[in-house]
Amino acid sequence: MEFDIYREPRDFTAGEAAVASGVSPALQRDWRRRGLLEEGSGGWVRYSLSEVCELAMMKAFSDGGVSVKSAGALARFTADPIHTFLEMLPGVVAFTGEELTPEEQRAFLADHWAEESLSRYIFTPLPDKDRDASGPLADSYRFKSLAEIEEKAGRGWYFGLIFDLKALAEEIHARAELPLVTYRVEKREGRT
């Protein structure tokens, strides 16, 4: 039997996003006032899972000493890998509709994960007094392993920030109410 599988978006309230990301509603309002987050329509703010990942990463960068404005740009750079790492964790994904076997669920998700291509770490070299920082995105790099960072350290990187995107996904997973992602499964019409 063949199926069509549709992702059903989940929205998070400011309170739910605060629990999952660690960014309080008050800090979310401050960041919106400063133009770092989108304003909600009619005064109500809803976040997608990717935006919750961005919030968590903005907080991590900000806590690491990166300006909040730069943290916002960096967070957009990291939301997709965090989201993918989240979907690999138990209980994050739910399937509704037609029943898939556990093997079919794993096969579907494996097609989306491409774990071997995922960058687990972000390294942001910190500028020194003799080097002009050209901006946070130009100076941030994705790596699959810490060994890969060590290998590239010959670029004159003496100090910087390393963020573990998988660990951040695990933190969101531990805080948020599950499931975070729902896929609706429908039997493909005209086929048995």
C-alpha atoms as a PDB file:
ATOM      1  CA  MET A   1       0.000   0.000   0.000  1.00  0.00           C
ATOM      2  CA  GLU A   2       1.264   3.493  -0.818  1.00  0.00           C
ATOM      3  CA  PHE A   3       0.696   6.560   1.299  1.00  0.00           C
ATOM      4  CA  ASP A   4       0.811  10.333   1.054  1.00  0.00           C
ATOM      5  CA  ILE A   5       2.294  11.900   4.157  1.00  0.00           C
ATOM      6  CA  TYR A   6       1.649  15.530   5.074  1.00  0.00           C
ATOM      7  CA  ARG A   7       3.304  17.549   7.779  1.00  0.00           C
ATOM      8  CA  GLU A   8       0.781  19.302   9.993  1.00  0.00           C
ATOM      9  CA  PRO A   9       2.295  22.508  11.318  1.00  0.00           C
ATOM     10  CA  ARG A  10       2.125  23.109  15.036  1.00  0.00           C
ATOM     11  CA  ASP A  11       1.991  26.600  16.439  1.00  0.00           C
ATOM     12  CA  PHE A  12       3.352  27.477  19.862  1.00  0.00           C
ATOM     13  CA  THR A  13       2.017  30.246  22.064  1.00  0.00           C
ATOM     14  CA  ALA A  14       4.510  32.647  23.624  1.00  0.00           C
ATOM     15  CA  GLY A  15       4.205  30.658  26.876  1.00  0.00           C
ATOM     16  CA  GLU A  16       4.784  27.293  25.168  1.00  0.00           C
ATOM     17  CA  ALA A  17       7.727  28.779  23.258  1.00  0.00           C
ATOM     18  CA  ALA A  18       9.131  30.087  26.551  1.00  0.00           C
ATOM     19  CA  VAL A  19       9.012  26.624  28.112  1.00  0.00           C
ATOM     20  CA  ALA A  20      10.597  24.942  25.079  1.00  0.00           C
ATOM     21  CA  SER A  21      13.250  27.582  24.315  1.00  0.00           C
ATOM     22  CA  GLY A  22      14.046  29.030  27.733  1.00  0.00           C
ATOM     23  CA  VAL A  23      13.237  32.547  26.457  1.00  0.00           C
ATOM     24  CA  SER A  24      10.674  34.145  28.775  1.00  0.00           C
ATOM     25  CA  PRO A  25       7.626  35.945  27.329  1.00  0.00           C
ATOM     26  CA  ALA A  26       9.022  39.214  28.737  1.00  0.00           C
ATOM     27  CA  LEU A  27      12.293  38.711  26.841  1.00  0.00           C
ATOM     28  CA  GLN A  28      10.344  37.770  23.716  1.00  0.00           C
ATOM     29  CA  ARG A  29       8.420  41.083  23.991  1.00  0.00           C
ATOM     30  CA  ASP A  30      11.685  42.987  24.454  1.00  0.00           C
ATOM     31  CA  TRP A  31      13.193  41.344  21.376  1.00  0.00           C
ATOM     32  CA  ARG A  32      10.015  42.154  19.373  1.00  0.00           C
ATOM     33  CA  ARG A  33      10.180  45.817  20.494  1.00  0.00           C
ATOM     34  CA  ARG A  34      13.791  45.911  19.313  1.00  0.00           C
ATOM     35  CA  GLY A  35      12.799  44.459  15.924  1.00  0.00           C
ATOM     36  CA  LEU A  36      14.603  41.156  16.490  1.00  0.00           C
ATOM     37  CA  LEU A  37      11.405  39.072  16.329  1.00  0.00           C
ATOM     38  CA  GLU A  38       8.314  39.419  14.161  1.00  0.00           C
ATOM     39  CA  GLU A  39       5.238  41.108  15.584  1.00  0.00           C
ATOM     40  CA  GLY A  40       2.148  38.930  15.899  1.00  0.00           C
ATOM     41  CA  SER A  41      -1.076  39.823  14.140  1.00  0.00           C
ATOM     42  CA  GLY A  42      -3.699  41.321  16.399  1.00  0.00           C
ATOM     43  CA  GLY A  43      -1.277  41.347  19.315  1.00  0.00           C
ATOM     44  CA  TRP A  44      -1.073  37.539  19.488  1.00  0.00           C
ATOM     45  CA  VAL A  45       2.193  35.809  18.781  1.00  0.00           C
ATOM     46  CA  ARG A  46       2.458  32.241  17.528  1.00  0.00           C
ATOM     47  CA  TYR A  47       5.707  30.459  16.770  1.00  0.00           C
ATOM     48  CA  SER A  48       6.541  27.584  14.447  1.00  0.00           C
ATOM     49  CA  LEU A  49       8.895  24.869  15.673  1.00  0.00           C
ATOM     50  CA  SER A  50      11.705  26.399  13.591  1.00  0.00           C
ATOM     51  CA  GLU A  51      11.084  29.753  15.287  1.00  0.00           C
ATOM     52  CA  VAL A  52      11.205  28.061  18.713  1.00  0.00           C
ATOM     53  CA  CYS A  53      14.577  26.586  17.661  1.00  0.00           C
ATOM     54  CA  GLU A  54      15.694  30.094  16.635  1.00  0.00           C
ATOM     55  CA  LEU A  55      14.633  31.485  20.020  1.00  0.00           C
ATOM     56  CA  ALA A  56      16.619  28.801  21.859  1.00  0.00           C
ATOM     57  CA  MET A  57      19.682  29.444  19.715  1.00  0.00           C
ATOM     58  CA  MET A  58      19.393  33.248  20.096  1.00  0.00           C
ATOM     59  CA  LYS A  59      19.404  32.753  23.844  1.00  0.00           C
ATOM     60  CA  ALA A  60      22.408  30.402  23.654  1.00  0.00           C
ATOM     61  CA  PHE A  61      24.376  32.857  21.502  1.00  0.00           C
ATOM     62  CA  SER A  62      23.358  35.789  23.688  1.00  0.00           C
ATOM     63  CA  ASP A  63      24.317  33.868  26.843  1.00  0.00           C
ATOM     64  CA  GLY A  64      27.669  33.146  25.140  1.00  0.00           C
ATOM     65  CA  GLY A  65      28.392  36.855  24.735  1.00  0.00           C
ATOM     66  CA  VAL A  66      27.205  37.438  21.152  1.00  0.00           C
ATOM     67  CA  SER A  67      25.109  40.599  20.698  1.00  0.00           C
ATOM     68  CA  VAL A  68      21.397  39.855  20.446  1.00  0.00           C
ATOM     69  CA  LYS A  69      21.235  41.433  16.990  1.00  0.00           C
ATOM     70  CA  SER A  70      24.021  39.146  15.724  1.00  0.00           C
ATOM     71  CA  ALA A  71      22.470  36.235  17.632  1.00  0.00           C
ATOM     72  CA  GLY A  72      19.279  36.600  15.583  1.00  0.00           C
ATOM     73  CA  ALA A  73      21.144  36.240  12.288  1.00  0.00           C
ATOM     74  CA  LEU A  74      23.143  33.308  13.636  1.00  0.00           C
ATOM     75  CA  ALA A  75      20.007  31.616  14.959  1.00  0.00           C
ATOM     76  CA  ARG A  76      18.397  31.609  11.498  1.00  0.00           C
ATOM     77  CA  PHE A  77      21.582  29.903  10.253  1.00  0.00           C
ATOM     78  CA  THR A  78      21.106  27.062  12.780  1.00  0.00           C
ATOM     79  CA  ALA A  79      17.330  26.495  13.067  1.00  0.00           C
ATOM     80  CA  ASP A  80      17.073  23.790  10.378  1.00  0.00           C
ATOM     81  CA  PRO A  81      19.746  21.450  11.821  1.00  0.00           C
ATOM     82  CA  ILE A  82      18.307  21.855  15.335  1.00  0.00           C
ATOM     83  CA  HIS A  83      14.839  21.049  13.986  1.00  0.00           C
ATOM     84  CA  THR A  84      16.198  17.937  12.233  1.00  0.00           C
ATOM     85  CA  PHE A  85      18.018  16.751  15.368  1.00  0.00           C
ATOM     86  CA  LEU A  86      14.744  17.212  17.267  1.00  0.00           C
ATOM     87  CA  GLU A  87      12.850  14.934  14.881  1.00  0.00           C
ATOM     88  CA  MET A  88      15.372  12.163  15.622  1.00  0.00           C
ATOM     89  CA  LEU A  89      14.511  12.150  19.332  1.00  0.00           C
ATOM     90  CA  PRO A  90      11.901   9.790  20.818  1.00  0.00           C
ATOM     91  CA  GLY A  91       8.368  11.101  21.143  1.00  0.00           C
ATOM     92  CA  VAL A  92       8.918  14.240  19.069  1.00  0.00           C
ATOM     93  CA  VAL A  93       7.133  12.916  15.967  1.00  0.00           C
ATOM     94  CA  ALA A  94       3.597  11.537  15.904  1.00  0.00           C
ATOM     95  CA  PHE A  95       1.807   9.957  12.956  1.00  0.00           C
ATOM     96  CA  THR A  96      -1.968  10.263  12.569  1.00  0.00           C
ATOM     97  CA  GLY A  97      -4.416   8.819  10.056  1.00  0.00           C
ATOM     98  CA  GLU A  98      -3.557   5.578   8.307  1.00  0.00           C
ATOM     99  CA  GLU A  99      -1.349   3.356  10.425  1.00  0.00           C
ATOM    100  CA  LEU A 100       2.283   2.932   9.420  1.00  0.00           C
ATOM    101  CA  THR A 101       4.421   0.148  10.801  1.00  0.00           C
ATOM    102  CA  PRO A 102       7.376   1.251  12.945  1.00  0.00           C
ATOM    103  CA  GLU A 103       9.660   0.278  10.063  1.00  0.00           C
ATOM    104  CA  GLU A 104       7.693   2.455   7.622  1.00  0.00           C
ATOM    105  CA  GLN A 105       7.844   5.382  10.077  1.00  0.00           C
ATOM    106  CA  ARG A 106      11.618   5.005  10.460  1.00  0.00           C
ATOM    107  CA  ALA A 107      12.096   4.735   6.691  1.00  0.00           C
ATOM    108  CA  PHE A 108      10.028   7.888   6.093  1.00  0.00           C
ATOM    109  CA  LEU A 109      11.920   9.865   8.718  1.00  0.00           C
ATOM    110  CA  ALA A 110      15.328   8.563   7.595  1.00  0.00           C
ATOM    111  CA  ASP A 111      14.633  10.004   4.132  1.00  0.00           C
ATOM    112  CA  HIS A 112      14.143  13.423   5.770  1.00  0.00           C
ATOM    113  CA  TRP A 113      16.956  13.316   8.307  1.00  0.00           C
ATOM    114  CA  ALA A 114      20.074  12.760   6.205  1.00  0.00           C
ATOM    115  CA  GLU A 115      21.971  12.539   9.513  1.00  0.00           C
ATOM    116  CA  GLU A 116      25.328  12.026   7.827  1.00  0.00           C
ATOM    117  CA  SER A 117      25.025  15.472   6.210  1.00  0.00           C
ATOM    118  CA  LEU A 118      24.005  17.246   9.419  1.00  0.00           C
ATOM    119  CA  SER A 119      26.316  19.743  11.017  1.00  0.00           C
ATOM    120  CA  ARG A 120      26.262  19.161  14.754  1.00  0.00           C
ATOM    121  CA  TYR A 121      28.475  22.072  15.790  1.00  0.00           C
ATOM    122  CA  ILE A 122      28.646  25.777  15.029  1.00  0.00           C
ATOM    123  CA  PHE A 123      31.987  27.456  15.579  1.00  0.00           C
ATOM    124  CA  THR A 124      32.090  31.246  15.761  1.00  0.00           C
ATOM    125  CA  PRO A 125      35.616  32.635  15.999  1.00  0.00           C
ATOM    126  CA  LEU A 126      35.735  35.706  18.200  1.00  0.00           C
ATOM    127  CA  PRO A 127      37.421  38.718  16.600  1.00  0.00           C
ATOM    128  CA  ASP A 128      40.671  39.899  18.052  1.00  0.00           C
ATOM    129  CA  LYS A 129      41.759  43.532  18.178  1.00  0.00           C
ATOM    130  CA  ASP A 130      43.806  43.240  14.963  1.00  0.00           C
ATOM    131  CA  ARG A 131      41.071  41.716  12.835  1.00  0.00           C
ATOM    132  CA  ASP A 132      38.016  43.492  11.539  1.00  0.00           C
ATOM    133  CA  ALA A 133      34.954  41.298  12.111  1.00  0.00           C
ATOM    134  CA  SER A 134      33.033  41.204   8.837  1.00  0.00           C
ATOM    135  CA  GLY A 135      29.828  40.055  10.470  1.00  0.00           C
ATOM    136  CA  PRO A 136      28.562  37.043  12.327  1.00  0.00           C
ATOM    137  CA  LEU A 137      27.445  34.911   9.392  1.00  0.00           C
ATOM    138  CA  ALA A 138      30.705  35.411   7.518  1.00  0.00           C
ATOM    139  CA  ASP A 139      32.546  34.242  10.616  1.00  0.00           C
ATOM    140  CA  SER A 140      30.453  31.220  11.621  1.00  0.00           C
ATOM    141  CA  TYR A 141      31.049  27.711  10.400  1.00  0.00           C
ATOM    142  CA  ARG A 142      29.137  24.432  10.609  1.00  0.00           C
ATOM    143  CA  PHE A 143      30.972  21.224  11.445  1.00  0.00           C
ATOM    144  CA  LYS A 144      29.952  17.593  11.812  1.00  0.00           C
ATOM    145  CA  SER A 145      32.446  16.825  14.585  1.00  0.00           C
ATOM    146  CA  LEU A 146      34.798  18.431  17.080  1.00  0.00           C
ATOM    147  CA  ALA A 147      37.672  16.710  15.266  1.00  0.00           C
ATOM    148  CA  GLU A 148      36.708  18.603  12.122  1.00  0.00           C
ATOM    149  CA  ILE A 149      36.931  21.888  14.069  1.00  0.00           C
ATOM    150  CA  GLU A 150      40.391  20.919  15.326  1.00  0.00           C
ATOM    151  CA  GLU A 151      41.466  20.101  11.792  1.00  0.00           C
ATOM    152  CA  LYS A 152      40.398  23.562  10.586  1.00  0.00           C
ATOM    153  CA  ALA A 153      41.917  25.395  13.567  1.00  0.00           C
ATOM    154  CA  GLY A 154      44.981  26.239  11.496  1.00  0.00           C
ATOM    155  CA  ARG A 155      43.071  29.227  10.111  1.00  0.00           C
ATOM    156  CA  GLY A 156      44.347  31.283  13.033  1.00  0.00           C
ATOM    157  CA  TRP A 157      41.376  30.558  15.249  1.00  0.00           C
ATOM    158  CA  TYR A 158      42.622  30.872  18.786  1.00  0.00           C
ATOM    159  CA  PHE A 159      39.367  31.399  20.583  1.00  0.00           C
ATOM    160  CA  GLY A 160      35.692  31.309  19.787  1.00  0.00           C
ATOM    161  CA  LEU A 161      32.332  29.861  20.674  1.00  0.00           C
ATOM    162  CA  ILE A 162      31.302  26.281  19.922  1.00  0.00           C
ATOM    163  CA  PHE A 163      27.625  25.400  20.053  1.00  0.00           C
ATOM    164  CA  ASP A 164      26.368  21.819  20.033  1.00  0.00           C
ATOM    165  CA  LEU A 165      23.132  21.879  18.026  1.00  0.00           C
ATOM    166  CA  LYS A 166      22.213  18.290  18.935  1.00  0.00           C
ATOM    167  CA  ALA A 167      22.555  19.099  22.656  1.00  0.00           C
ATOM    168  CA  LEU A 168      20.322  22.155  22.189  1.00  0.00           C
ATOM    169  CA  ALA A 169      17.732  19.961  20.427  1.00  0.00           C
ATOM    170  CA  GLU A 170      17.897  17.550  23.373  1.00  0.00           C
ATOM    171  CA  GLU A 171      17.317  20.465  25.760  1.00  0.00           C
ATOM    172  CA  ILE A 172      14.226  21.601  23.818  1.00  0.00           C
ATOM    173  CA  HIS A 173      13.036  17.978  23.768  1.00  0.00           C
ATOM    174  CA  ALA A 174      13.367  17.722  27.556  1.00  0.00           C
ATOM    175  CA  ARG A 175      11.416  20.949  28.191  1.00  0.00           C
ATOM    176  CA  ALA A 176       8.653  20.902  25.580  1.00  0.00           C
ATOM    177  CA  GLU A 177       5.339  19.112  25.630  1.00  0.00           C
ATOM    178  CA  LEU A 178       5.521  16.299  23.085  1.00  0.00           C
ATOM    179  CA  PRO A 179       4.842  15.591  20.265  1.00  0.00           C
ATOM    180  CA  LEU A 180       6.347  18.601  18.509  1.00  0.00           C
ATOM    181  CA  VAL A 181       5.773  17.400  14.946  1.00  0.00           C
ATOM    182  CA  THR A 182       2.765  15.574  13.512  1.00  0.00           C
ATOM    183  CA  TYR A 183       2.573  13.836  10.146  1.00  0.00           C
ATOM    184  CA  ARG A 184      -0.844  12.917   8.727  1.00  0.00           C
ATOM    185  CA  VAL A 185      -0.813   9.690   6.719  1.00  0.00           C
ATOM    186  CA  GLU A 186      -3.386   9.091   3.961  1.00  0.00           C
ATOM    187  CA  LYS A 187      -3.787   6.094   1.712  1.00  0.00           C
ATOM    188  CA  ARG A 188      -2.901   7.152  -1.811  1.00  0.00           C
ATOM    189  CA  GLU A 189      -6.075   7.319  -3.901  1.00  0.00           C
ATOM    190  CA  GLY A 190      -6.420   4.975  -6.860  1.00  0.00           C
ATOM    191  CA  ARG A 191      -3.937   2.463  -5.493  1.00  0.00           C
ATOM    192  CA  THR A 192      -4.262  -0.478  -3.184  1.00  0.00           C
END
